[in-house]
Amino acid sequence: MTGREQLHDLRQQAHNAGIEGNSKMTESQLRDALKKVGKGMEPQAAKREAKS
């Protein structure tokens, strides 16, 4: 899988997890937010924390 495909897959996972507007997030921010959601955090709160 190329880096571009991997990023697309991460964005799809984030979308499925309820993390809206993730197109401007970096790969590491997406991974961090998905990890937080996996631990039970609210999707938008996870997004805010990952971006800060």
PDB file of N, CA and C in Angstrom:
ATOM      1  N   MET A   1       0.847  -1.181   0.000  1.00  0.00           N
ATOM      2  CA  MET A   1       0.000   0.000   0.000  1.00  0.00           C
ATOM      3  C   MET A   1       0.892   1.245   0.000  1.00  0.00           C
ATOM      4  N   THR A   2       0.605   2.183  -0.867  1.00  0.00           N
ATOM      5  CA  THR A   2       1.397   3.405  -0.931  1.00  0.00           C
ATOM      6  C   THR A   2       1.020   4.333   0.215  1.00  0.00           C
ATOM      7  N   GLY A   3       1.860   5.324   0.438  1.00  0.00           N
ATOM      8  CA  GLY A   3       1.576   6.302   1.481  1.00  0.00           C
ATOM      9  C   GLY A   3       0.259   7.011   1.234  1.00  0.00           C
ATOM     10  N   ARG A   4      -0.010   7.271  -0.038  1.00  0.00           N
ATOM     11  CA  ARG A   4      -1.257   7.961  -0.406  1.00  0.00           C
ATOM     12  C   ARG A   4      -2.474   7.087  -0.102  1.00  0.00           C
ATOM     13  N   GLU A   5      -2.371   5.796  -0.414  1.00  0.00           N
ATOM     14  CA  GLU A   5      -3.470   4.859  -0.127  1.00  0.00           C
ATOM     15  C   GLU A   5      -3.663   4.704   1.379  1.00  0.00           C
ATOM     16  N   GLN A   6      -2.551   4.683   2.104  1.00  0.00           N
ATOM     17  CA  GLN A   6      -2.598   4.550   3.551  1.00  0.00           C
ATOM     18  C   GLN A   6      -3.303   5.757   4.177  1.00  0.00           C
ATOM     19  N   LEU A   7      -2.972   6.946   3.698  1.00  0.00           N
ATOM     20  CA  LEU A   7      -3.592   8.167   4.203  1.00  0.00           C
ATOM     21  C   LEU A   7      -5.088   8.174   3.879  1.00  0.00           C
ATOM     22  N   HIS A   8      -5.428   7.754   2.679  1.00  0.00           N
ATOM     23  CA  HIS A   8      -6.838   7.672   2.294  1.00  0.00           C
ATOM     24  C   HIS A   8      -7.583   6.703   3.215  1.00  0.00           C
ATOM     25  N   ASP A   9      -6.967   5.572   3.497  1.00  0.00           N
ATOM     26  CA  ASP A   9      -7.566   4.570   4.377  1.00  0.00           C
ATOM     27  C   ASP A   9      -7.761   5.140   5.787  1.00  0.00           C
ATOM     28  N   LEU A  10      -6.761   5.866   6.285  1.00  0.00           N
ATOM     29  CA  LEU A  10      -6.871   6.485   7.607  1.00  0.00           C
ATOM     30  C   LEU A  10      -8.010   7.500   7.636  1.00  0.00           C
ATOM     31  N   ARG A  11      -8.114   8.296   6.569  1.00  0.00           N
ATOM     32  CA  ARG A  11      -9.200   9.283   6.495  1.00  0.00           C
ATOM     33  C   ARG A  11     -10.564   8.583   6.496  1.00  0.00           C
ATOM     34  N   GLN A  12     -10.668   7.462   5.792  1.00  0.00           N
ATOM     35  CA  GLN A  12     -11.920   6.703   5.760  1.00  0.00           C
ATOM     36  C   GLN A  12     -12.242   6.151   7.141  1.00  0.00           C
ATOM     37  N   GLN A  13     -11.234   5.622   7.819  1.00  0.00           N
ATOM     38  CA  GLN A  13     -11.438   5.109   9.178  1.00  0.00           C
ATOM     39  C   GLN A  13     -11.891   6.226  10.106  1.00  0.00           C
ATOM     40  N   ALA A  14     -11.270   7.400   9.984  1.00  0.00           N
ATOM     41  CA  ALA A  14     -11.634   8.546  10.821  1.00  0.00           C
ATOM     42  C   ALA A  14     -13.075   8.958  10.541  1.00  0.00           C
ATOM     43  N   HIS A  15     -13.436   8.994   9.278  1.00  0.00           N
ATOM     44  CA  HIS A  15     -14.813   9.341   8.899  1.00  0.00           C
ATOM     45  C   HIS A  15     -15.791   8.333   9.506  1.00  0.00           C
ATOM     46  N   ASN A  16     -15.473   7.056   9.386  1.00  0.00           N
ATOM     47  CA  ASN A  16     -16.337   6.002   9.936  1.00  0.00           C
ATOM     48  C   ASN A  16     -16.447   6.100  11.454  1.00  0.00           C
ATOM     49  N   ALA A  17     -15.395   6.621  12.096  1.00  0.00           N
ATOM     50  CA  ALA A  17     -15.380   6.754  13.556  1.00  0.00           C
ATOM     51  C   ALA A  17     -16.106   8.019  14.014  1.00  0.00           C
ATOM     52  N   GLY A  18     -16.534   8.845  13.051  1.00  0.00           N
ATOM     53  CA  GLY A  18     -17.268  10.058  13.396  1.00  0.00           C
ATOM     54  C   GLY A  18     -16.411  11.298  13.512  1.00  0.00           C
ATOM     55  N   ILE A  19     -15.155  11.219  13.065  1.00  0.00           N
ATOM     56  CA  ILE A  19     -14.259  12.378  13.102  1.00  0.00           C
ATOM     57  C   ILE A  19     -14.490  13.166  11.810  1.00  0.00           C
ATOM     58  N   GLU A  20     -15.329  14.194  11.928  1.00  0.00           N
ATOM     59  CA  GLU A  20     -15.700  14.994  10.754  1.00  0.00           C
ATOM     60  C   GLU A  20     -14.600  15.975  10.365  1.00  0.00           C
ATOM     61  N   GLY A  21     -14.550  16.317   9.083  1.00  0.00           N
ATOM     62  CA  GLY A  21     -13.612  17.315   8.597  1.00  0.00           C
ATOM     63  C   GLY A  21     -12.162  16.959   8.836  1.00  0.00           C
ATOM     64  N   ASN A  22     -11.786  15.718   8.541  1.00  0.00           N
ATOM     65  CA  ASN A  22     -10.418  15.276   8.827  1.00  0.00           C
ATOM     66  C   ASN A  22      -9.455  15.485   7.666  1.00  0.00           C
ATOM     67  N   SER A  23      -9.892  16.131   6.594  1.00  0.00           N
ATOM     68  CA  SER A  23      -9.055  16.258   5.392  1.00  0.00           C
ATOM     69  C   SER A  23      -7.798  17.097   5.605  1.00  0.00           C
ATOM     70  N   LYS A  24      -7.793  17.966   6.605  1.00  0.00           N
ATOM     71  CA  LYS A  24      -6.613  18.805   6.839  1.00  0.00           C
ATOM     72  C   LYS A  24      -5.716  18.244   7.942  1.00  0.00           C
ATOM     73  N   MET A  25      -6.062  17.067   8.457  1.00  0.00           N
ATOM     74  CA  MET A  25      -5.254  16.451   9.504  1.00  0.00           C
ATOM     75  C   MET A  25      -4.108  15.663   8.891  1.00  0.00           C
ATOM     76  N   THR A  26      -2.977  15.628   9.599  1.00  0.00           N
ATOM     77  CA  THR A  26      -1.828  14.854   9.133  1.00  0.00           C
ATOM     78  C   THR A  26      -2.042  13.378   9.480  1.00  0.00           C
ATOM     79  N   GLU A  27      -1.198  12.537   8.936  1.00  0.00           N
ATOM     80  CA  GLU A  27      -1.297  11.096   9.209  1.00  0.00           C
ATOM     81  C   GLU A  27      -1.153  10.821  10.702  1.00  0.00           C
ATOM     82  N   SER A  28      -0.185  11.472  11.348  1.00  0.00           N
ATOM     83  CA  SER A  28       0.015  11.227  12.779  1.00  0.00           C
ATOM     84  C   SER A  28      -1.165  11.741  13.603  1.00  0.00           C
ATOM     85  N   GLN A  29      -1.757  12.866  13.204  1.00  0.00           N
ATOM     86  CA  GLN A  29      -2.936  13.387  13.903  1.00  0.00           C
ATOM     87  C   GLN A  29      -4.108  12.423  13.754  1.00  0.00           C
ATOM     88  N   LEU A  30      -4.272  11.874  12.561  1.00  0.00           N
ATOM     89  CA  LEU A  30      -5.354  10.910  12.319  1.00  0.00           C
ATOM     90  C   LEU A  30      -5.175   9.670  13.184  1.00  0.00           C
ATOM     91  N   ARG A  31      -3.948   9.151  13.211  1.00  0.00           N
ATOM     92  CA  ARG A  31      -3.671   7.959  14.035  1.00  0.00           C
ATOM     93  C   ARG A  31      -3.956   8.242  15.509  1.00  0.00           C
ATOM     94  N   ASP A  32      -3.518   9.408  15.980  1.00  0.00           N
ATOM     95  CA  ASP A  32      -3.715   9.790  17.372  1.00  0.00           C
ATOM     96  C   ASP A  32      -5.215   9.903  17.693  1.00  0.00           C
ATOM     97  N   ALA A  33      -5.960  10.579  16.836  1.00  0.00           N
ATOM     98  CA  ALA A  33      -7.399  10.757  17.055  1.00  0.00           C
ATOM     99  C   ALA A  33      -8.120   9.410  17.035  1.00  0.00           C
ATOM    100  N   LEU A  34      -7.766   8.536  16.104  1.00  0.00           N
ATOM    101  CA  LEU A  34      -8.405   7.212  16.026  1.00  0.00           C
ATOM    102  C   LEU A  34      -8.106   6.397  17.280  1.00  0.00           C
ATOM    103  N   LYS A  35      -6.882   6.509  17.794  1.00  0.00           N
ATOM    104  CA  LYS A  35      -6.504   5.794  19.011  1.00  0.00           C
ATOM    105  C   LYS A  35      -7.358   6.286  20.186  1.00  0.00           C
ATOM    106  N   LYS A  36      -7.549   7.618  20.275  1.00  0.00           N
ATOM    107  CA  LYS A  36      -8.343   8.195  21.358  1.00  0.00           C
ATOM    108  C   LYS A  36      -9.806   7.759  21.263  1.00  0.00           C
ATOM    109  N   VAL A  37     -10.349   7.735  20.055  1.00  0.00           N
ATOM    110  CA  VAL A  37     -11.736   7.293  19.864  1.00  0.00           C
ATOM    111  C   VAL A  37     -11.856   5.819  20.253  1.00  0.00           C
ATOM    112  N   GLY A  38     -10.847   5.040  19.906  1.00  0.00           N
ATOM    113  CA  GLY A  38     -10.836   3.623  20.262  1.00  0.00           C
ATOM    114  C   GLY A  38     -10.869   3.387  21.764  1.00  0.00           C
ATOM    115  N   LYS A  39     -10.368   4.377  22.507  1.00  0.00           N
ATOM    116  CA  LYS A  39     -10.367   4.276  23.967  1.00  0.00           C
ATOM    117  C   LYS A  39     -11.617   4.895  24.580  1.00  0.00           C
ATOM    118  N   GLY A  40     -12.561   5.315  23.722  1.00  0.00           N
ATOM    119  CA  GLY A  40     -13.840   5.808  24.223  1.00  0.00           C
ATOM    120  C   GLY A  40     -14.032   7.314  24.213  1.00  0.00           C
ATOM    121  N   MET A  41     -13.072   8.042  23.670  1.00  0.00           N
ATOM    122  CA  MET A  41     -13.213   9.503  23.635  1.00  0.00           C
ATOM    123  C   MET A  41     -14.200   9.924  22.548  1.00  0.00           C
ATOM    124  N   GLU A  42     -14.892  11.015  22.788  1.00  0.00           N
ATOM    125  CA  GLU A  42     -15.809  11.623  21.818  1.00  0.00           C
ATOM    126  C   GLU A  42     -15.006  11.986  20.555  1.00  0.00           C
ATOM    127  N   PRO A  43     -15.508  11.635  19.353  1.00  0.00           N
ATOM    128  CA  PRO A  43     -14.746  11.869  18.110  1.00  0.00           C
ATOM    129  C   PRO A  43     -14.246  13.296  17.907  1.00  0.00           C
ATOM    130  N   GLN A  44     -15.096  14.292  18.107  1.00  0.00           N
ATOM    131  CA  GLN A  44     -14.656  15.665  17.862  1.00  0.00           C
ATOM    132  C   GLN A  44     -13.658  16.124  18.919  1.00  0.00           C
ATOM    133  N   ALA A  45     -13.793  15.633  20.142  1.00  0.00           N
ATOM    134  CA  ALA A  45     -12.820  15.965  21.192  1.00  0.00           C
ATOM    135  C   ALA A  45     -11.472  15.342  20.843  1.00  0.00           C
ATOM    136  N   ALA A  46     -11.497  14.118  20.345  1.00  0.00           N
ATOM    137  CA  ALA A  46     -10.268  13.441  19.934  1.00  0.00           C
ATOM    138  C   ALA A  46      -9.595  14.222  18.813  1.00  0.00           C
ATOM    139  N   LYS A  47     -10.384  14.724  17.878  1.00  0.00           N
ATOM    140  CA  LYS A  47      -9.847  15.519  16.767  1.00  0.00           C
ATOM    141  C   LYS A  47      -9.188  16.787  17.297  1.00  0.00           C
ATOM    142  N   ARG A  48      -9.872  17.497  18.188  1.00  0.00           N
ATOM    143  CA  ARG A  48      -9.308  18.730  18.751  1.00  0.00           C
ATOM    144  C   ARG A  48      -7.993  18.454  19.478  1.00  0.00           C
ATOM    145  N   GLU A  49      -7.970  17.407  20.289  1.00  0.00           N
ATOM    146  CA  GLU A  49      -6.752  17.080  21.038  1.00  0.00           C
ATOM    147  C   GLU A  49      -5.615  16.686  20.111  1.00  0.00           C
ATOM    148  N   ALA A  50      -5.930  15.925  19.081  1.00  0.00           N
ATOM    149  CA  ALA A  50      -4.892  15.456  18.146  1.00  0.00           C
ATOM    150  C   ALA A  50      -4.296  16.635  17.366  1.00  0.00           C
ATOM    151  N   LYS A  51      -5.106  17.647  17.107  1.00  0.00           N
ATOM    152  CA  LYS A  51      -4.620  18.787  16.331  1.00  0.00           C
ATOM    153  C   LYS A  51      -3.896  19.823  17.173  1.00  0.00           C
ATOM    154  N   SER A  52      -4.004  19.731  18.494  1.00  0.00           N
ATOM    155  CA  SER A  52      -3.364  20.760  19.339  1.00  0.00           C
ATOM    156  C   SER A  52      -1.944  20.386  19.711  1.00  0.00           C
TER     157      SER A  52
END
